[in-house]
mmCIF file of all heavy atoms, coordinates in Angstrom:
data_MODEL
# 
_entry.id   MODEL 
# 
loop_
_atom_site.group_PDB 
_atom_site.id 
_atom_site.type_symbol 
_atom_site.label_atom_id 
_atom_site.label_alt_id 
_atom_site.label_comp_id 
_atom_site.label_asym_id 
_atom_site.label_entity_id 
_atom_site.label_seq_id 
_atom_site.pdbx_PDB_ins_code 
_atom_site.Cartn_x 
_atom_site.Cartn_y 
_atom_site.Cartn_z 
_atom_site.occupancy 
_atom_site.B_iso_or_equiv 
_atom_site.pdbx_formal_charge 
_atom_site.auth_seq_id 
_atom_site.auth_comp_id 
_atom_site.auth_asym_id 
_atom_site.auth_atom_id 
_atom_site.pdbx_PDB_model_num 
ATOM 1   N N   . ALA A 1 1  ? -3.742  10.957 3.781  1.00 0.00 ? 1  ALA A N   1 
ATOM 2   C CA  . ALA A 1 1  ? -3.854  9.577  4.266  1.00 0.00 ? 1  ALA A CA  1 
ATOM 3   C C   . ALA A 1 1  ? -2.535  8.807  4.140  1.00 0.00 ? 1  ALA A C   1 
ATOM 4   O O   . ALA A 1 1  ? -2.041  8.275  5.143  1.00 0.00 ? 1  ALA A O   1 
ATOM 5   C CB  . ALA A 1 1  ? -4.992  8.851  3.552  1.00 0.00 ? 1  ALA A CB  1 
ATOM 6   N N   . PRO A 1 2  ? -1.928  8.723  2.952  1.00 0.00 ? 2  PRO A N   1 
ATOM 7   C CA  . PRO A 1 2  ? -0.670  7.973  2.888  1.00 0.00 ? 2  PRO A CA  1 
ATOM 8   C C   . PRO A 1 2  ? 0.468   8.642  3.656  1.00 0.00 ? 2  PRO A C   1 
ATOM 9   O O   . PRO A 1 2  ? 1.332   7.958  4.215  1.00 0.00 ? 2  PRO A O   1 
ATOM 10  C CB  . PRO A 1 2  ? -0.359  7.889  1.392  1.00 0.00 ? 2  PRO A CB  1 
ATOM 11  C CG  . PRO A 1 2  ? -1.196  8.901  0.733  1.00 0.00 ? 2  PRO A CG  1 
ATOM 12  C CD  . PRO A 1 2  ? -2.363  9.167  1.620  1.00 0.00 ? 2  PRO A CD  1 
ATOM 13  N N   . THR A 1 3  ? 0.455   9.973  3.705  1.00 0.00 ? 3  THR A N   1 
ATOM 14  C CA  . THR A 1 3  ? 1.500   10.668 4.457  1.00 0.00 ? 3  THR A CA  1 
ATOM 15  C C   . THR A 1 3  ? 1.352   10.397 5.947  1.00 0.00 ? 3  THR A C   1 
ATOM 16  O O   . THR A 1 3  ? 2.351   10.200 6.651  1.00 0.00 ? 3  THR A O   1 
ATOM 17  C CB  . THR A 1 3  ? 1.456   12.179 4.171  1.00 0.00 ? 3  THR A CB  1 
ATOM 18  O OG1 . THR A 1 3  ? 1.479   12.376 2.758  1.00 0.00 ? 3  THR A OG1 1 
ATOM 19  C CG2 . THR A 1 3  ? 2.626   12.892 4.785  1.00 0.00 ? 3  THR A CG2 1 
ATOM 20  N N   . ALA A 1 4  ? 0.124   10.375 6.438  1.00 0.00 ? 4  ALA A N   1 
ATOM 21  C CA  . ALA A 1 4  ? -0.105  10.084 7.853  1.00 0.00 ? 4  ALA A CA  1 
ATOM 22  C C   . ALA A 1 4  ? 0.300   8.651  8.192  1.00 0.00 ? 4  ALA A C   1 
ATOM 23  O O   . ALA A 1 4  ? 0.891   8.399  9.247  1.00 0.00 ? 4  ALA A O   1 
ATOM 24  C CB  . ALA A 1 4  ? -1.567  10.322 8.209  1.00 0.00 ? 4  ALA A CB  1 
ATOM 25  N N   . VAL A 1 5  ? 0.011   7.711  7.298  1.00 0.00 ? 5  VAL A N   1 
ATOM 26  C CA  . VAL A 1 5  ? 0.425   6.318  7.532  1.00 0.00 ? 5  VAL A CA  1 
ATOM 27  C C   . VAL A 1 5  ? 1.951   6.233  7.578  1.00 0.00 ? 5  VAL A C   1 
ATOM 28  O O   . VAL A 1 5  ? 2.528   5.592  8.465  1.00 0.00 ? 5  VAL A O   1 
ATOM 29  C CB  . VAL A 1 5  ? -0.157  5.391  6.444  1.00 0.00 ? 5  VAL A CB  1 
ATOM 30  C CG1 . VAL A 1 5  ? 0.466   4.010  6.507  1.00 0.00 ? 5  VAL A CG1 1 
ATOM 31  C CG2 . VAL A 1 5  ? -1.671  5.294  6.590  1.00 0.00 ? 5  VAL A CG2 1 
ATOM 32  N N   . ALA A 1 6  ? 2.613   6.880  6.639  1.00 0.00 ? 6  ALA A N   1 
ATOM 33  C CA  . ALA A 1 6  ? 4.080   6.864  6.631  1.00 0.00 ? 6  ALA A CA  1 
ATOM 34  C C   . ALA A 1 6  ? 4.637   7.542  7.879  1.00 0.00 ? 6  ALA A C   1 
ATOM 35  O O   . ALA A 1 6  ? 5.622   7.072  8.464  1.00 0.00 ? 6  ALA A O   1 
ATOM 36  C CB  . ALA A 1 6  ? 4.605   7.557  5.372  1.00 0.00 ? 6  ALA A CB  1 
ATOM 37  N N   . LEU A 1 7  ? 3.997   8.624  8.312  1.00 0.00 ? 7  LEU A N   1 
ATOM 38  C CA  . LEU A 1 7  ? 4.447   9.310  9.522  1.00 0.00 ? 7  LEU A CA  1 
ATOM 39  C C   . LEU A 1 7  ? 4.269   8.419  10.748 1.00 0.00 ? 7  LEU A C   1 
ATOM 40  O O   . LEU A 1 7  ? 5.138   8.358  11.613 1.00 0.00 ? 7  LEU A O   1 
ATOM 41  C CB  . LEU A 1 7  ? 3.686   10.624 9.700  1.00 0.00 ? 7  LEU A CB  1 
ATOM 42  C CG  . LEU A 1 7  ? 4.157   11.524 10.828 1.00 0.00 ? 7  LEU A CG  1 
ATOM 43  C CD1 . LEU A 1 7  ? 5.577   11.985 10.566 1.00 0.00 ? 7  LEU A CD1 1 
ATOM 44  C CD2 . LEU A 1 7  ? 3.221   12.713 10.969 1.00 0.00 ? 7  LEU A CD2 1 
ATOM 45  N N   . TRP A 1 8  ? 3.162   7.707  10.817 1.00 0.00 ? 8  TRP A N   1 
ATOM 46  C CA  . TRP A 1 8  ? 2.926   6.780  11.929 1.00 0.00 ? 8  TRP A CA  1 
ATOM 47  C C   . TRP A 1 8  ? 4.026   5.720  11.981 1.00 0.00 ? 8  TRP A C   1 
ATOM 48  O O   . TRP A 1 8  ? 4.550   5.395  13.038 1.00 0.00 ? 8  TRP A O   1 
ATOM 49  C CB  . TRP A 1 8  ? 1.561   6.127  11.779 1.00 0.00 ? 8  TRP A CB  1 
ATOM 50  C CG  . TRP A 1 8  ? 1.234   5.165  12.864 1.00 0.00 ? 8  TRP A CG  1 
ATOM 51  C CD1 . TRP A 1 8  ? 1.417   3.809  12.850 1.00 0.00 ? 8  TRP A CD1 1 
ATOM 52  C CD2 . TRP A 1 8  ? 0.705   5.477  14.149 1.00 0.00 ? 8  TRP A CD2 1 
ATOM 53  N NE1 . TRP A 1 8  ? 1.008   3.263  14.039 1.00 0.00 ? 8  TRP A NE1 1 
ATOM 54  C CE2 . TRP A 1 8  ? 0.567   4.261  14.859 1.00 0.00 ? 8  TRP A CE2 1 
ATOM 55  C CE3 . TRP A 1 8  ? 0.325   6.655  14.770 1.00 0.00 ? 8  TRP A CE3 1 
ATOM 56  C CZ2 . TRP A 1 8  ? 0.071   4.203  16.149 1.00 0.00 ? 8  TRP A CZ2 1 
ATOM 57  C CZ3 . TRP A 1 8  ? -0.176  6.595  16.050 1.00 0.00 ? 8  TRP A CZ3 1 
ATOM 58  C CH2 . TRP A 1 8  ? -0.293  5.387  16.724 1.00 0.00 ? 8  TRP A CH2 1 
ATOM 59  N N   . MET A 1 9  ? 4.401   5.205  10.817 1.00 0.00 ? 9  MET A N   1 
ATOM 60  C CA  . MET A 1 9  ? 5.414   4.162  10.772 1.00 0.00 ? 9  MET A CA  1 
ATOM 61  C C   . MET A 1 9  ? 6.806   4.698  11.108 1.00 0.00 ? 9  MET A C   1 
ATOM 62  O O   . MET A 1 9  ? 7.650   3.952  11.598 1.00 0.00 ? 9  MET A O   1 
ATOM 63  C CB  . MET A 1 9  ? 5.414   3.505  9.383  1.00 0.00 ? 9  MET A CB  1 
ATOM 64  C CG  . MET A 1 9  ? 4.150   2.718  9.136  1.00 0.00 ? 9  MET A CG  1 
ATOM 65  S SD  . MET A 1 9  ? 3.865   2.110  7.460  1.00 0.00 ? 9  MET A SD  1 
ATOM 66  C CE  . MET A 1 9  ? 5.438   1.793  6.804  1.00 0.00 ? 9  MET A CE  1 
ATOM 67  N N   . ASN A 1 10 ? 7.046   5.989  10.893 1.00 0.00 ? 10 ASN A N   1 
ATOM 68  C CA  . ASN A 1 10 ? 8.372   6.572  11.120 1.00 0.00 ? 10 ASN A CA  1 
ATOM 69  C C   . ASN A 1 10 ? 8.530   7.252  12.475 1.00 0.00 ? 10 ASN A C   1 
ATOM 70  O O   . ASN A 1 10 ? 9.572   7.857  12.722 1.00 0.00 ? 10 ASN A O   1 
ATOM 71  C CB  . ASN A 1 10 ? 8.690   7.592  10.018 1.00 0.00 ? 10 ASN A CB  1 
ATOM 72  C CG  . ASN A 1 10 ? 9.041   6.933  8.716  1.00 0.00 ? 10 ASN A CG  1 
ATOM 73  O OD1 . ASN A 1 10 ? 9.771   5.952  8.692  1.00 0.00 ? 10 ASN A OD1 1 
ATOM 74  N ND2 . ASN A 1 10 ? 8.519   7.457  7.642  1.00 0.00 ? 10 ASN A ND2 1 
ATOM 75  N N   . THR A 1 11 ? 7.520   7.176  13.336 1.00 0.00 ? 11 THR A N   1 
ATOM 76  C CA  . THR A 1 11 ? 7.621   7.895  14.613 1.00 0.00 ? 11 THR A CA  1 
ATOM 77  C C   . THR A 1 11 ? 7.509   6.963  15.809 1.00 0.00 ? 11 THR A C   1 
ATOM 78  O O   . THR A 1 11 ? 7.002   7.359  16.854 1.00 0.00 ? 11 THR A O   1 
ATOM 79  C CB  . THR A 1 11 ? 6.527   8.979  14.712 1.00 0.00 ? 11 THR A CB  1 
ATOM 80  O OG1 . THR A 1 11 ? 5.244   8.374  14.533 1.00 0.00 ? 11 THR A OG1 1 
ATOM 81  C CG2 . THR A 1 11 ? 6.755   10.073 13.710 1.00 0.00 ? 11 THR A CG2 1 
ATOM 82  N N   . LYS A 1 12 ? 7.990   5.755  15.693 1.00 0.00 ? 12 LYS A N   1 
ATOM 83  C CA  . LYS A 1 12 ? 7.961   4.836  16.826 1.00 0.00 ? 12 LYS A CA  1 
ATOM 84  C C   . LYS A 1 12 ? 8.764   5.422  17.984 1.00 0.00 ? 12 LYS A C   1 
ATOM 85  O O   . LYS A 1 12 ? 9.855   5.932  17.804 1.00 0.00 ? 12 LYS A O   1 
ATOM 86  C CB  . LYS A 1 12 ? 8.528   3.485  16.414 1.00 0.00 ? 12 LYS A CB  1 
ATOM 87  C CG  . LYS A 1 12 ? 7.636   2.774  15.433 1.00 0.00 ? 12 LYS A CG  1 
ATOM 88  C CD  . LYS A 1 12 ? 8.206   1.434  15.039 1.00 0.00 ? 12 LYS A CD  1 
ATOM 89  C CE  . LYS A 1 12 ? 7.220   0.759  14.127 1.00 0.00 ? 12 LYS A CE  1 
ATOM 90  N NZ  . LYS A 1 12 ? 7.738   0.276  12.926 1.00 0.00 ? 12 LYS A NZ  1 
ATOM 91  N N   . GLY A 1 13 ? 8.208   5.333  19.187 1.00 0.00 ? 13 GLY A N   1 
ATOM 92  C CA  . GLY A 1 13 ? 8.890   5.828  20.360 1.00 0.00 ? 13 GLY A CA  1 
ATOM 93  C C   . GLY A 1 13 ? 8.631   7.294  20.671 1.00 0.00 ? 13 GLY A C   1 
ATOM 94  O O   . GLY A 1 13 ? 8.944   7.757  21.751 1.00 0.00 ? 13 GLY A O   1 
ATOM 95  N N   . ARG A 1 14 ? 8.069   8.028  19.747 1.00 0.00 ? 14 ARG A N   1 
ATOM 96  C CA  . ARG A 1 14 ? 7.758   9.440  20.004 1.00 0.00 ? 14 ARG A CA  1 
ATOM 97  C C   . ARG A 1 14 ? 6.400   9.814  19.431 1.00 0.00 ? 14 ARG A C   1 
ATOM 98  O O   . ARG A 1 14 ? 6.134   10.959 19.083 1.00 0.00 ? 14 ARG A O   1 
ATOM 99  C CB  . ARG A 1 14 ? 8.846   10.343 19.437 1.00 0.00 ? 14 ARG A CB  1 
ATOM 100 C CG  . ARG A 1 14 ? 9.136   10.120 17.992 1.00 0.00 ? 14 ARG A CG  1 
ATOM 101 C CD  . ARG A 1 14 ? 10.409  10.802 17.550 1.00 0.00 ? 14 ARG A CD  1 
ATOM 102 N NE  . ARG A 1 14 ? 10.618  10.486 16.152 1.00 0.00 ? 14 ARG A NE  1 
ATOM 103 C CZ  . ARG A 1 14 ? 10.749  11.386 15.210 1.00 0.00 ? 14 ARG A CZ  1 
ATOM 104 N NH1 . ARG A 1 14 ? 10.725  12.642 15.492 1.00 0.00 ? 14 ARG A NH1 1 
ATOM 105 N NH2 . ARG A 1 14 ? 10.930  11.014 13.967 1.00 0.00 ? 14 ARG A NH2 1 
ATOM 106 N N   . ARG A 1 15 ? 5.516   8.837  19.358 1.00 0.00 ? 15 ARG A N   1 
ATOM 107 C CA  . ARG A 1 15 ? 4.216   9.069  18.730 1.00 0.00 ? 15 ARG A CA  1 
ATOM 108 C C   . ARG A 1 15 ? 3.365   10.077 19.475 1.00 0.00 ? 15 ARG A C   1 
ATOM 109 O O   . ARG A 1 15 ? 2.687   10.895 18.852 1.00 0.00 ? 15 ARG A O   1 
ATOM 110 C CB  . ARG A 1 15 ? 3.468   7.745  18.583 1.00 0.00 ? 15 ARG A CB  1 
ATOM 111 C CG  . ARG A 1 15 ? 4.040   6.909  17.486 1.00 0.00 ? 15 ARG A CG  1 
ATOM 112 C CD  . ARG A 1 15 ? 3.145   5.758  17.126 1.00 0.00 ? 15 ARG A CD  1 
ATOM 113 N NE  . ARG A 1 15 ? 3.727   5.054  16.001 1.00 0.00 ? 15 ARG A NE  1 
ATOM 114 C CZ  . ARG A 1 15 ? 3.765   3.740  15.893 1.00 0.00 ? 15 ARG A CZ  1 
ATOM 115 N NH1 . ARG A 1 15 ? 3.238   2.988  16.824 1.00 0.00 ? 15 ARG A NH1 1 
ATOM 116 N NH2 . ARG A 1 15 ? 4.321   3.187  14.841 1.00 0.00 ? 15 ARG A NH2 1 
ATOM 117 N N   . ALA A 1 16 ? 3.346   10.047 20.786 1.00 0.00 ? 16 ALA A N   1 
ATOM 118 C CA  . ALA A 1 16 ? 2.498   10.980 21.539 1.00 0.00 ? 16 ALA A CA  1 
ATOM 119 C C   . ALA A 1 16 ? 2.911   12.424 21.264 1.00 0.00 ? 16 ALA A C   1 
ATOM 120 O O   . ALA A 1 16 ? 2.069   13.286 21.020 1.00 0.00 ? 16 ALA A O   1 
ATOM 121 C CB  . ALA A 1 16 ? 2.565   10.680 23.027 1.00 0.00 ? 16 ALA A CB  1 
ATOM 122 N N   . ARG A 1 17 ? 4.200   12.681 21.280 1.00 0.00 ? 17 ARG A N   1 
ATOM 123 C CA  . ARG A 1 17 ? 4.697   14.043 21.055 1.00 0.00 ? 17 ARG A CA  1 
ATOM 124 C C   . ARG A 1 17 ? 4.391   14.510 19.636 1.00 0.00 ? 17 ARG A C   1 
ATOM 125 O O   . ARG A 1 17 ? 4.130   15.684 19.403 1.00 0.00 ? 17 ARG A O   1 
ATOM 126 C CB  . ARG A 1 17 ? 6.194   14.078 21.320 1.00 0.00 ? 17 ARG A CB  1 
ATOM 127 C CG  . ARG A 1 17 ? 6.778   15.458 21.271 1.00 0.00 ? 17 ARG A CG  1 
ATOM 128 C CD  . ARG A 1 17 ? 8.223   15.456 21.613 1.00 0.00 ? 17 ARG A CD  1 
ATOM 129 N NE  . ARG A 1 17 ? 8.897   14.337 20.956 1.00 0.00 ? 17 ARG A NE  1 
ATOM 130 C CZ  . ARG A 1 17 ? 10.185  14.110 21.007 1.00 0.00 ? 17 ARG A CZ  1 
ATOM 131 N NH1 . ARG A 1 17 ? 10.947  14.900 21.705 1.00 0.00 ? 17 ARG A NH1 1 
ATOM 132 N NH2 . ARG A 1 17 ? 10.733  13.103 20.380 1.00 0.00 ? 17 ARG A NH2 1 
ATOM 133 N N   . VAL A 1 18 ? 4.410   13.592 18.685 1.00 0.00 ? 18 VAL A N   1 
ATOM 134 C CA  . VAL A 1 18 ? 4.141   13.955 17.300 1.00 0.00 ? 18 VAL A CA  1 
ATOM 135 C C   . VAL A 1 18 ? 2.647   14.039 17.037 1.00 0.00 ? 18 VAL A C   1 
ATOM 136 O O   . VAL A 1 18 ? 2.156   14.995 16.428 1.00 0.00 ? 18 VAL A O   1 
ATOM 137 C CB  . VAL A 1 18 ? 4.804   12.938 16.334 1.00 0.00 ? 18 VAL A CB  1 
ATOM 138 C CG1 . VAL A 1 18 ? 4.340   13.153 14.905 1.00 0.00 ? 18 VAL A CG1 1 
ATOM 139 C CG2 . VAL A 1 18 ? 6.313   13.027 16.424 1.00 0.00 ? 18 VAL A CG2 1 
ATOM 140 N N   . TRP A 1 19 ? 1.897   13.061 17.492 1.00 0.00 ? 19 TRP A N   1 
ATOM 141 C CA  . TRP A 1 19 ? 0.502   12.961 17.089 1.00 0.00 ? 19 TRP A CA  1 
ATOM 142 C C   . TRP A 1 19 ? -0.466  13.817 17.892 1.00 0.00 ? 19 TRP A C   1 
ATOM 143 O O   . TRP A 1 19 ? -1.546  14.148 17.399 1.00 0.00 ? 19 TRP A O   1 
ATOM 144 C CB  . TRP A 1 19 ? 0.065   11.497 17.088 1.00 0.00 ? 19 TRP A CB  1 
ATOM 145 C CG  . TRP A 1 19 ? 0.606   10.827 15.872 1.00 0.00 ? 19 TRP A CG  1 
ATOM 146 C CD1 . TRP A 1 19 ? 1.747   10.115 15.766 1.00 0.00 ? 19 TRP A CD1 1 
ATOM 147 C CD2 . TRP A 1 19 ? 0.051   10.895 14.568 1.00 0.00 ? 19 TRP A CD2 1 
ATOM 148 N NE1 . TRP A 1 19 ? 1.946   9.727  14.471 1.00 0.00 ? 19 TRP A NE1 1 
ATOM 149 C CE2 . TRP A 1 19 ? 0.902   10.182 13.719 1.00 0.00 ? 19 TRP A CE2 1 
ATOM 150 C CE3 . TRP A 1 19 ? -1.083  11.487 14.024 1.00 0.00 ? 19 TRP A CE3 1 
ATOM 151 C CZ2 . TRP A 1 19 ? 0.663   10.039 12.363 1.00 0.00 ? 19 TRP A CZ2 1 
ATOM 152 C CZ3 . TRP A 1 19 ? -1.330  11.338 12.671 1.00 0.00 ? 19 TRP A CZ3 1 
ATOM 153 C CH2 . TRP A 1 19 ? -0.463  10.624 11.861 1.00 0.00 ? 19 TRP A CH2 1 
ATOM 154 N N   . LEU A 1 20 ? -0.126  14.203 19.101 1.00 0.00 ? 20 LEU A N   1 
ATOM 155 C CA  . LEU A 1 20 ? -1.036  15.028 19.889 1.00 0.00 ? 20 LEU A CA  1 
ATOM 156 C C   . LEU A 1 20 ? -1.348  16.363 19.190 1.00 0.00 ? 20 LEU A C   1 
ATOM 157 O O   . LEU A 1 20 ? -2.523  16.718 19.026 1.00 0.00 ? 20 LEU A O   1 
ATOM 158 C CB  . LEU A 1 20 ? -0.476  15.247 21.294 1.00 0.00 ? 20 LEU A CB  1 
ATOM 159 C CG  . LEU A 1 20 ? -1.399  15.974 22.257 1.00 0.00 ? 20 LEU A CG  1 
ATOM 160 C CD1 . LEU A 1 20 ? -2.689  15.191 22.469 1.00 0.00 ? 20 LEU A CD1 1 
ATOM 161 C CD2 . LEU A 1 20 ? -0.698  16.196 23.579 1.00 0.00 ? 20 LEU A CD2 1 
ATOM 162 N N   . PRO A 1 21 ? -0.361  17.120 18.727 1.00 0.00 ? 21 PRO A N   1 
ATOM 163 C CA  . PRO A 1 21 ? -0.688  18.364 18.013 1.00 0.00 ? 21 PRO A CA  1 
ATOM 164 C C   . PRO A 1 21 ? -1.438  18.122 16.701 1.00 0.00 ? 21 PRO A C   1 
ATOM 165 O O   . PRO A 1 21 ? -2.346  18.879 16.348 1.00 0.00 ? 21 PRO A O   1 
ATOM 166 C CB  . PRO A 1 21 ? 0.669   19.009 17.738 1.00 0.00 ? 21 PRO A CB  1 
ATOM 167 C CG  . PRO A 1 21 ? 1.632   18.338 18.627 1.00 0.00 ? 21 PRO A CG  1 
ATOM 168 C CD  . PRO A 1 21 ? 1.085   16.993 18.928 1.00 0.00 ? 21 PRO A CD  1 
ATOM 169 N N   . ILE A 1 22 ? -1.064  17.075 15.992 1.00 0.00 ? 22 ILE A N   1 
ATOM 170 C CA  . ILE A 1 22 ? -1.723  16.790 14.711 1.00 0.00 ? 22 ILE A CA  1 
ATOM 171 C C   . ILE A 1 22 ? -3.186  16.463 14.932 1.00 0.00 ? 22 ILE A C   1 
ATOM 172 O O   . ILE A 1 22 ? -4.074  16.988 14.249 1.00 0.00 ? 22 ILE A O   1 
ATOM 173 C CB  . ILE A 1 22 ? -0.998  15.635 13.978 1.00 0.00 ? 22 ILE A CB  1 
ATOM 174 C CG1 . ILE A 1 22 ? 0.409   16.077 13.574 1.00 0.00 ? 22 ILE A CG1 1 
ATOM 175 C CG2 . ILE A 1 22 ? -1.798  15.189 12.763 1.00 0.00 ? 22 ILE A CG2 1 
ATOM 176 C CD1 . ILE A 1 22 ? 1.289   14.954 13.060 1.00 0.00 ? 22 ILE A CD1 1 
ATOM 177 N N   . VAL A 1 23 ? -3.466  15.613 15.904 1.00 0.00 ? 23 VAL A N   1 
ATOM 178 C CA  . VAL A 1 23 ? -4.851  15.243 16.195 1.00 0.00 ? 23 VAL A CA  1 
ATOM 179 C C   . VAL A 1 23 ? -5.634  16.447 16.716 1.00 0.00 ? 23 VAL A C   1 
ATOM 180 O O   . VAL A 1 23 ? -6.781  16.671 16.323 1.00 0.00 ? 23 VAL A O   1 
ATOM 181 C CB  . VAL A 1 23 ? -4.901  14.052 17.182 1.00 0.00 ? 23 VAL A CB  1 
ATOM 182 C CG1 . VAL A 1 23 ? -6.311  13.813 17.692 1.00 0.00 ? 23 VAL A CG1 1 
ATOM 183 C CG2 . VAL A 1 23 ? -4.350  12.798 16.519 1.00 0.00 ? 23 VAL A CG2 1 
ATOM 184 N N   . ALA A 1 24 ? -5.020  17.249 17.573 1.00 0.00 ? 24 ALA A N   1 
ATOM 185 C CA  . ALA A 1 24 ? -5.711  18.425 18.124 1.00 0.00 ? 24 ALA A CA  1 
ATOM 186 C C   . ALA A 1 24 ? -6.117  19.397 17.013 1.00 0.00 ? 24 ALA A C   1 
ATOM 187 O O   . ALA A 1 24 ? -7.272  19.850 16.963 1.00 0.00 ? 24 ALA A O   1 
ATOM 188 C CB  . ALA A 1 24 ? -4.822  19.123 19.144 1.00 0.00 ? 24 ALA A CB  1 
ATOM 189 N N   . LEU A 1 25 ? -5.188  19.713 16.112 1.00 0.00 ? 25 LEU A N   1 
ATOM 190 C CA  . LEU A 1 25 ? -5.516  20.628 15.020 1.00 0.00 ? 25 LEU A CA  1 
ATOM 191 C C   . LEU A 1 25 ? -6.517  20.003 14.056 1.00 0.00 ? 25 LEU A C   1 
ATOM 192 O O   . LEU A 1 25 ? -7.412  20.695 13.553 1.00 0.00 ? 25 LEU A O   1 
ATOM 193 C CB  . LEU A 1 25 ? -4.250  21.039 14.270 1.00 0.00 ? 25 LEU A CB  1 
ATOM 194 C CG  . LEU A 1 25 ? -3.404  22.101 14.941 1.00 0.00 ? 25 LEU A CG  1 
ATOM 195 C CD1 . LEU A 1 25 ? -2.112  22.332 14.170 1.00 0.00 ? 25 LEU A CD1 1 
ATOM 196 C CD2 . LEU A 1 25 ? -4.161  23.404 15.065 1.00 0.00 ? 25 LEU A CD2 1 
ATOM 197 N N   . SER A 1 26 ? -6.388  18.717 13.792 1.00 0.00 ? 26 SER A N   1 
ATOM 198 C CA  . SER A 1 26 ? -7.319  18.048 12.881 1.00 0.00 ? 26 SER A CA  1 
ATOM 199 C C   . SER A 1 26 ? -8.736  18.045 13.441 1.00 0.00 ? 26 SER A C   1 
ATOM 200 O O   . SER A 1 26 ? -9.699  18.315 12.715 1.00 0.00 ? 26 SER A O   1 
ATOM 201 C CB  . SER A 1 26 ? -6.861  16.621 12.600 1.00 0.00 ? 26 SER A CB  1 
ATOM 202 O OG  . SER A 1 26 ? -5.615  16.627 11.950 1.00 0.00 ? 26 SER A OG  1 
ATOM 203 N N   . VAL A 1 27 ? -8.871  17.751 14.721 1.00 0.00 ? 27 VAL A N   1 
ATOM 204 C CA  . VAL A 1 27 ? -10.199 17.749 15.342 1.00 0.00 ? 27 VAL A CA  1 
ATOM 205 C C   . VAL A 1 27 ? -10.799 19.157 15.309 1.00 0.00 ? 27 VAL A C   1 
ATOM 206 O O   . VAL A 1 27 ? -11.982 19.333 15.000 1.00 0.00 ? 27 VAL A O   1 
ATOM 207 C CB  . VAL A 1 27 ? -10.124 17.192 16.779 1.00 0.00 ? 27 VAL A CB  1 
ATOM 208 C CG1 . VAL A 1 27 ? -11.395 17.472 17.559 1.00 0.00 ? 27 VAL A CG1 1 
ATOM 209 C CG2 . VAL A 1 27 ? -9.842  15.703 16.745 1.00 0.00 ? 27 VAL A CG2 1 
ATOM 210 N N   . ALA A 1 28 ? -9.982  20.169 15.613 1.00 0.00 ? 28 ALA A N   1 
ATOM 211 C CA  . ALA A 1 28 ? -10.472 21.549 15.562 1.00 0.00 ? 28 ALA A CA  1 
ATOM 212 C C   . ALA A 1 28 ? -10.904 21.919 14.138 1.00 0.00 ? 28 ALA A C   1 
ATOM 213 O O   . ALA A 1 28 ? -11.947 22.554 13.943 1.00 0.00 ? 28 ALA A O   1 
ATOM 214 C CB  . ALA A 1 28 ? -9.401  22.510 16.066 1.00 0.00 ? 28 ALA A CB  1 
# 
């Protein structure tokens, strides 16, 4: 949880490229 929040705050401008794989694997 805190790592994901920090990652969200540090990936402005490239969130889709970063978060799409993370969300896909997490949902699976």
